[in-house]
Amino acid sequence: MPHLIMEYSNSAEDRLNTQGLLEDLHQVAIESELFSVNDVKSRAIRVHSWLVGDKGNSADFIHITVELLSGRTPEQKRELSRGLMDVLVEQANHIDSLTINVRDMEQESFQKVG
């Protein structure tokens, strides 16, 4: 754990180095020292269909979801979120919407093989 999932509108892809951004976000998670290095899993998902308010699909976005096992303090999660947002703003401030959601997964129900 954690899973860092970067969803982004396909219209943003031509104006964004998605692999570089993902690598930098991954590094922020590692450098937070909240997790073992080999536990950090990051992926990017290009979204082909989306709607944003009355702008339909004309508004680009990047949304980061971080799913982590419960047990971190609100301050730890806030600091992780801030570090990730710093990278987003630095590399993608030309994108219409940048959002991050750090959320807990219950340790009691989480399952893993391998």
N, C-alpha and C. Protein backbone atom coordinates (compact mmCIF):
# COMPACT_ATOMS: atom_id res chain seq x y z
N MET A 1 0.85 -1.16 0.00
CA MET A 1 0.00 0.00 0.00
C MET A 1 0.89 1.22 0.00
N PRO A 2 0.61 2.28 -0.55
CA PRO A 2 -0.67 2.73 -1.08
C PRO A 2 -0.79 2.48 -2.59
N HIS A 3 -2.00 2.73 -3.07
CA HIS A 3 -2.24 2.80 -4.51
C HIS A 3 -2.42 4.28 -4.84
N LEU A 4 -1.61 4.77 -5.77
CA LEU A 4 -1.73 6.14 -6.26
C LEU A 4 -2.26 6.03 -7.68
N ILE A 5 -3.45 6.58 -7.90
CA ILE A 5 -4.12 6.46 -9.20
C ILE A 5 -4.31 7.85 -9.77
N MET A 6 -3.69 8.09 -10.91
CA MET A 6 -3.80 9.39 -11.59
C MET A 6 -4.74 9.22 -12.78
N GLU A 7 -5.92 9.81 -12.68
CA GLU A 7 -6.86 9.83 -13.80
C GLU A 7 -6.72 11.18 -14.50
N TYR A 8 -6.73 11.16 -15.82
CA TYR A 8 -6.59 12.42 -16.55
C TYR A 8 -7.40 12.37 -17.84
N SER A 9 -7.92 13.52 -18.24
CA SER A 9 -8.70 13.61 -19.47
C SER A 9 -7.78 13.41 -20.67
N ASN A 10 -8.26 12.65 -21.65
CA ASN A 10 -7.40 12.38 -22.81
C ASN A 10 -7.07 13.65 -23.57
N SER A 11 -7.87 14.69 -23.43
CA SER A 11 -7.58 15.96 -24.11
C SER A 11 -6.35 16.65 -23.51
N ALA A 12 -5.97 16.26 -22.30
CA ALA A 12 -4.79 16.85 -21.66
C ALA A 12 -3.50 16.15 -22.05
N GLU A 13 -3.62 15.00 -22.65
CA GLU A 13 -2.43 14.17 -22.90
C GLU A 13 -1.40 14.85 -23.80
N ASP A 14 -1.84 15.59 -24.81
CA ASP A 14 -0.91 16.25 -25.71
C ASP A 14 -0.16 17.40 -25.04
N ARG A 15 -0.67 17.88 -23.92
CA ARG A 15 -0.06 19.02 -23.23
C ARG A 15 0.57 18.63 -21.91
N LEU A 16 0.82 17.34 -21.74
CA LEU A 16 1.24 16.84 -20.44
C LEU A 16 2.19 15.67 -20.64
N ASN A 17 3.26 15.64 -19.88
CA ASN A 17 4.15 14.48 -19.85
C ASN A 17 3.61 13.54 -18.77
N THR A 18 2.67 12.68 -19.15
CA THR A 18 1.99 11.85 -18.15
C THR A 18 2.94 10.90 -17.44
N GLN A 19 3.87 10.30 -18.17
CA GLN A 19 4.81 9.37 -17.53
C GLN A 19 5.71 10.11 -16.54
N GLY A 20 6.22 11.26 -16.94
CA GLY A 20 7.06 12.05 -16.04
C GLY A 20 6.31 12.51 -14.81
N LEU A 21 5.07 12.95 -15.01
CA LEU A 21 4.25 13.39 -13.89
C LEU A 21 3.99 12.22 -12.94
N LEU A 22 3.63 11.07 -13.49
CA LEU A 22 3.38 9.90 -12.65
C LEU A 22 4.62 9.53 -11.85
N GLU A 23 5.77 9.56 -12.49
CA GLU A 23 7.02 9.23 -11.79
C GLU A 23 7.30 10.21 -10.66
N ASP A 24 7.04 11.49 -10.88
CA ASP A 24 7.27 12.49 -9.84
C ASP A 24 6.29 12.34 -8.68
N LEU A 25 5.03 12.04 -8.98
CA LEU A 25 4.05 11.79 -7.93
C LEU A 25 4.43 10.55 -7.12
N HIS A 26 4.85 9.52 -7.82
CA HIS A 26 5.31 8.28 -7.18
C HIS A 26 6.46 8.58 -6.21
N GLN A 27 7.37 9.44 -6.63
CA GLN A 27 8.52 9.80 -5.80
C GLN A 27 8.08 10.56 -4.55
N VAL A 28 7.07 11.42 -4.68
CA VAL A 28 6.55 12.13 -3.50
C VAL A 28 6.02 11.13 -2.48
N ALA A 29 5.29 10.13 -2.95
CA ALA A 29 4.76 9.11 -2.03
C ALA A 29 5.90 8.37 -1.33
N ILE A 30 6.94 8.03 -2.09
CA ILE A 30 8.10 7.35 -1.49
C ILE A 30 8.78 8.24 -0.47
N GLU A 31 9.02 9.49 -0.83
CA GLU A 31 9.75 10.42 0.04
C GLU A 31 8.95 10.83 1.28
N SER A 32 7.65 10.58 1.28
CA SER A 32 6.84 10.89 2.46
C SER A 32 7.25 10.03 3.66
N GLU A 33 7.90 8.91 3.38
CA GLU A 33 8.33 7.96 4.40
C GLU A 33 7.16 7.40 5.21
N LEU A 34 5.97 7.44 4.64
CA LEU A 34 4.80 6.83 5.27
C LEU A 34 4.67 5.36 4.89
N PHE A 35 5.43 4.93 3.88
CA PHE A 35 5.28 3.60 3.32
C PHE A 35 6.65 3.00 3.02
N SER A 36 6.72 1.69 2.95
CA SER A 36 7.92 1.03 2.45
C SER A 36 8.00 1.30 0.95
N VAL A 37 9.19 1.51 0.44
CA VAL A 37 9.39 1.86 -0.97
C VAL A 37 8.69 0.88 -1.89
N ASN A 38 8.85 -0.41 -1.65
CA ASN A 38 8.29 -1.42 -2.55
C ASN A 38 6.78 -1.59 -2.41
N ASP A 39 6.17 -0.91 -1.45
CA ASP A 39 4.72 -0.98 -1.29
C ASP A 39 3.99 0.08 -2.11
N VAL A 40 4.69 1.08 -2.60
CA VAL A 40 4.05 2.17 -3.34
C VAL A 40 3.76 1.70 -4.76
N LYS A 41 2.49 1.76 -5.15
CA LYS A 41 2.06 1.33 -6.48
C LYS A 41 1.34 2.50 -7.14
N SER A 42 1.81 2.91 -8.31
CA SER A 42 1.24 4.08 -8.99
C SER A 42 0.85 3.70 -10.41
N ARG A 43 -0.25 4.29 -10.88
CA ARG A 43 -0.69 4.04 -12.24
C ARG A 43 -1.45 5.25 -12.76
N ALA A 44 -1.45 5.39 -14.08
CA ALA A 44 -2.17 6.47 -14.74
C ALA A 44 -3.26 5.87 -15.61
N ILE A 45 -4.41 6.50 -15.58
CA ILE A 45 -5.56 6.04 -16.36
C ILE A 45 -6.07 7.21 -17.19
N ARG A 46 -6.01 7.06 -18.49
CA ARG A 46 -6.53 8.09 -19.39
C ARG A 46 -8.04 7.89 -19.51
N VAL A 47 -8.78 8.96 -19.32
CA VAL A 47 -10.24 8.92 -19.36
C VAL A 47 -10.71 9.48 -20.70
N HIS A 48 -11.49 8.69 -21.41
CA HIS A 48 -11.96 9.10 -22.74
C HIS A 48 -13.31 9.81 -22.70
N SER A 49 -14.10 9.53 -21.69
CA SER A 49 -15.44 10.14 -21.59
C SER A 49 -15.59 10.76 -20.22
N TRP A 50 -15.99 12.03 -20.18
CA TRP A 50 -16.19 12.73 -18.91
C TRP A 50 -17.06 13.96 -19.15
N LEU A 51 -17.65 14.44 -18.09
CA LEU A 51 -18.43 15.68 -18.11
C LEU A 51 -18.05 16.49 -16.88
N VAL A 52 -17.90 17.79 -17.05
CA VAL A 52 -17.61 18.68 -15.93
C VAL A 52 -18.59 19.84 -16.01
N GLY A 53 -19.51 19.90 -15.05
CA GLY A 53 -20.47 21.00 -14.99
C GLY A 53 -21.12 21.27 -16.32
N ASP A 54 -21.23 22.54 -16.68
CA ASP A 54 -21.84 22.90 -17.96
C ASP A 54 -20.80 22.99 -19.08
N LYS A 55 -19.55 22.65 -18.79
CA LYS A 55 -18.51 22.67 -19.81
C LYS A 55 -18.42 21.34 -20.56
N GLY A 56 -19.20 20.35 -20.13
CA GLY A 56 -19.15 19.06 -20.80
C GLY A 56 -17.76 18.47 -20.73
N ASN A 57 -17.25 18.06 -21.89
CA ASN A 57 -15.92 17.45 -21.91
C ASN A 57 -14.85 18.42 -22.40
N SER A 58 -15.13 19.72 -22.34
CA SER A 58 -14.14 20.70 -22.78
C SER A 58 -13.19 21.12 -21.65
N ALA A 59 -13.48 20.72 -20.43
CA ALA A 59 -12.63 21.08 -19.29
C ALA A 59 -11.68 19.92 -18.98
N ASP A 60 -10.39 20.16 -19.15
CA ASP A 60 -9.39 19.15 -18.83
C ASP A 60 -9.32 18.93 -17.32
N PHE A 61 -8.88 17.74 -16.93
CA PHE A 61 -8.72 17.49 -15.50
C PHE A 61 -7.62 16.46 -15.25
N ILE A 62 -7.11 16.53 -14.05
CA ILE A 62 -6.29 15.46 -13.47
C ILE A 62 -6.82 15.25 -12.06
N HIS A 63 -7.14 14.01 -11.74
CA HIS A 63 -7.60 13.69 -10.39
C HIS A 63 -6.71 12.57 -9.85
N ILE A 64 -6.15 12.80 -8.68
CA ILE A 64 -5.31 11.82 -8.01
C ILE A 64 -6.09 11.21 -6.86
N THR A 65 -6.16 9.90 -6.83
CA THR A 65 -6.72 9.17 -5.69
C THR A 65 -5.58 8.39 -5.05
N VAL A 66 -5.43 8.54 -3.76
CA VAL A 66 -4.46 7.75 -3.01
C VAL A 66 -5.25 6.90 -2.03
N GLU A 67 -5.16 5.59 -2.22
CA GLU A 67 -5.82 4.66 -1.31
C GLU A 67 -4.76 4.04 -0.43
N LEU A 68 -4.94 4.19 0.88
CA LEU A 68 -3.95 3.64 1.80
C LEU A 68 -4.63 2.96 2.96
N LEU A 69 -3.92 2.02 3.55
CA LEU A 69 -4.49 1.33 4.70
C LEU A 69 -4.66 2.31 5.85
N SER A 70 -5.73 2.15 6.59
CA SER A 70 -6.03 3.05 7.70
C SER A 70 -4.89 3.02 8.72
N GLY A 71 -4.78 4.11 9.47
CA GLY A 71 -3.77 4.19 10.51
C GLY A 71 -2.92 5.44 10.46
N ARG A 72 -2.97 6.18 9.34
CA ARG A 72 -2.22 7.43 9.25
C ARG A 72 -3.03 8.55 9.88
N THR A 73 -2.35 9.53 10.43
CA THR A 73 -3.04 10.66 11.04
C THR A 73 -3.57 11.59 9.96
N PRO A 74 -4.55 12.42 10.30
CA PRO A 74 -5.02 13.42 9.34
C PRO A 74 -3.88 14.33 8.86
N GLU A 75 -2.97 14.69 9.75
CA GLU A 75 -1.84 15.55 9.36
C GLU A 75 -0.93 14.84 8.36
N GLN A 76 -0.67 13.56 8.56
CA GLN A 76 0.16 12.81 7.61
C GLN A 76 -0.49 12.78 6.23
N LYS A 77 -1.79 12.55 6.21
CA LYS A 77 -2.51 12.51 4.93
C LYS A 77 -2.55 13.89 4.28
N ARG A 78 -2.71 14.92 5.09
CA ARG A 78 -2.72 16.29 4.58
C ARG A 78 -1.36 16.65 3.96
N GLU A 79 -0.28 16.29 4.63
CA GLU A 79 1.07 16.57 4.11
C GLU A 79 1.33 15.81 2.81
N LEU A 80 0.89 14.57 2.73
CA LEU A 80 1.02 13.81 1.49
C LEU A 80 0.25 14.49 0.37
N SER A 81 -0.97 14.90 0.66
CA SER A 81 -1.80 15.58 -0.33
C SER A 81 -1.14 16.88 -0.80
N ARG A 82 -0.60 17.64 0.12
CA ARG A 82 0.08 18.90 -0.24
C ARG A 82 1.29 18.65 -1.13
N GLY A 83 2.08 17.65 -0.79
CA GLY A 83 3.25 17.33 -1.61
C GLY A 83 2.86 16.93 -3.02
N LEU A 84 1.81 16.14 -3.14
CA LEU A 84 1.33 15.73 -4.46
C LEU A 84 0.79 16.93 -5.24
N MET A 85 0.05 17.81 -4.55
CA MET A 85 -0.50 18.99 -5.23
C MET A 85 0.61 19.93 -5.69
N ASP A 86 1.66 20.04 -4.92
CA ASP A 86 2.79 20.87 -5.35
C ASP A 86 3.33 20.41 -6.70
N VAL A 87 3.45 19.10 -6.88
CA VAL A 87 3.93 18.55 -8.15
C VAL A 87 2.92 18.82 -9.25
N LEU A 88 1.63 18.62 -8.96
CA LEU A 88 0.60 18.88 -9.97
C LEU A 88 0.63 20.33 -10.44
N VAL A 89 0.67 21.25 -9.50
CA VAL A 89 0.67 22.67 -9.85
C VAL A 89 1.93 23.02 -10.64
N GLU A 90 3.05 22.47 -10.26
CA GLU A 90 4.30 22.76 -10.95
C GLU A 90 4.28 22.27 -12.40
N GLN A 91 3.71 21.11 -12.63
CA GLN A 91 3.78 20.50 -13.96
C GLN A 91 2.51 20.63 -14.79
N ALA A 92 1.39 20.93 -14.14
CA ALA A 92 0.13 20.87 -14.88
C ALA A 92 -0.80 22.03 -14.55
N ASN A 93 -0.25 23.20 -14.22
CA ASN A 93 -1.11 24.33 -13.85
C ASN A 93 -1.94 24.83 -15.02
N HIS A 94 -1.66 24.38 -16.23
CA HIS A 94 -2.44 24.76 -17.41
C HIS A 94 -3.69 23.89 -17.58
N ILE A 95 -3.83 22.86 -16.76
CA ILE A 95 -5.00 21.99 -16.80
C ILE A 95 -6.11 22.64 -15.96
N ASP A 96 -7.36 22.56 -16.47
CA ASP A 96 -8.48 23.27 -15.83
C ASP A 96 -8.73 22.87 -14.38
N SER A 97 -8.66 21.57 -14.08
CA SER A 97 -9.02 21.11 -12.75
C SER A 97 -7.98 20.11 -12.24
N LEU A 98 -7.43 20.40 -11.08
CA LEU A 98 -6.46 19.52 -10.41
C LEU A 98 -7.02 19.18 -9.04
N THR A 99 -7.24 17.90 -8.78
CA THR A 99 -7.82 17.50 -7.50
C THR A 99 -7.10 16.26 -6.95
N ILE A 100 -7.14 16.13 -5.63
CA ILE A 100 -6.52 15.00 -4.94
C ILE A 100 -7.46 14.54 -3.83
N ASN A 101 -7.60 13.23 -3.71
CA ASN A 101 -8.37 12.64 -2.62
C ASN A 101 -7.53 11.53 -2.00
N VAL A 102 -7.16 11.70 -0.74
CA VAL A 102 -6.44 10.67 0.01
C VAL A 102 -7.46 10.00 0.91
N ARG A 103 -7.61 8.69 0.74
CA ARG A 103 -8.65 8.01 1.53
C ARG A 103 -8.13 6.69 2.11
N ASP A 104 -8.73 6.33 3.22
CA ASP A 104 -8.36 5.11 3.94
C ASP A 104 -9.09 3.90 3.40
N MET A 105 -8.40 2.78 3.44
CA MET A 105 -9.01 1.47 3.21
C MET A 105 -8.95 0.75 4.56
N GLU A 106 -9.99 0.03 4.89
CA GLU A 106 -10.03 -0.67 6.16
C GLU A 106 -9.08 -1.87 6.14
N GLN A 107 -8.19 -1.92 7.11
CA GLN A 107 -7.25 -3.04 7.19
C GLN A 107 -7.97 -4.36 7.39
N GLU A 108 -9.10 -4.31 8.09
CA GLU A 108 -9.83 -5.54 8.41
C GLU A 108 -10.41 -6.22 7.16
N SER A 109 -10.70 -5.45 6.12
CA SER A 109 -11.32 -6.05 4.93
C SER A 109 -10.38 -6.13 3.73
N PHE A 110 -9.20 -5.54 3.81
CA PHE A 110 -8.27 -5.55 2.69
C PHE A 110 -7.67 -6.94 2.52
N GLN A 111 -7.61 -7.41 1.29
CA GLN A 111 -7.04 -8.71 0.96
C GLN A 111 -5.94 -8.54 -0.06
N LYS A 112 -4.89 -9.36 0.03
CA LYS A 112 -3.79 -9.29 -0.92
C LYS A 112 -3.18 -10.67 -1.09
N VAL A 113 -2.87 -11.01 -2.33
CA VAL A 113 -2.13 -12.23 -2.64
C VAL A 113 -0.90 -11.82 -3.43
N GLY A 114 0.26 -12.22 -3.01
CA GLY A 114 1.48 -11.92 -3.76
C GLY A 114 2.16 -10.66 -3.37
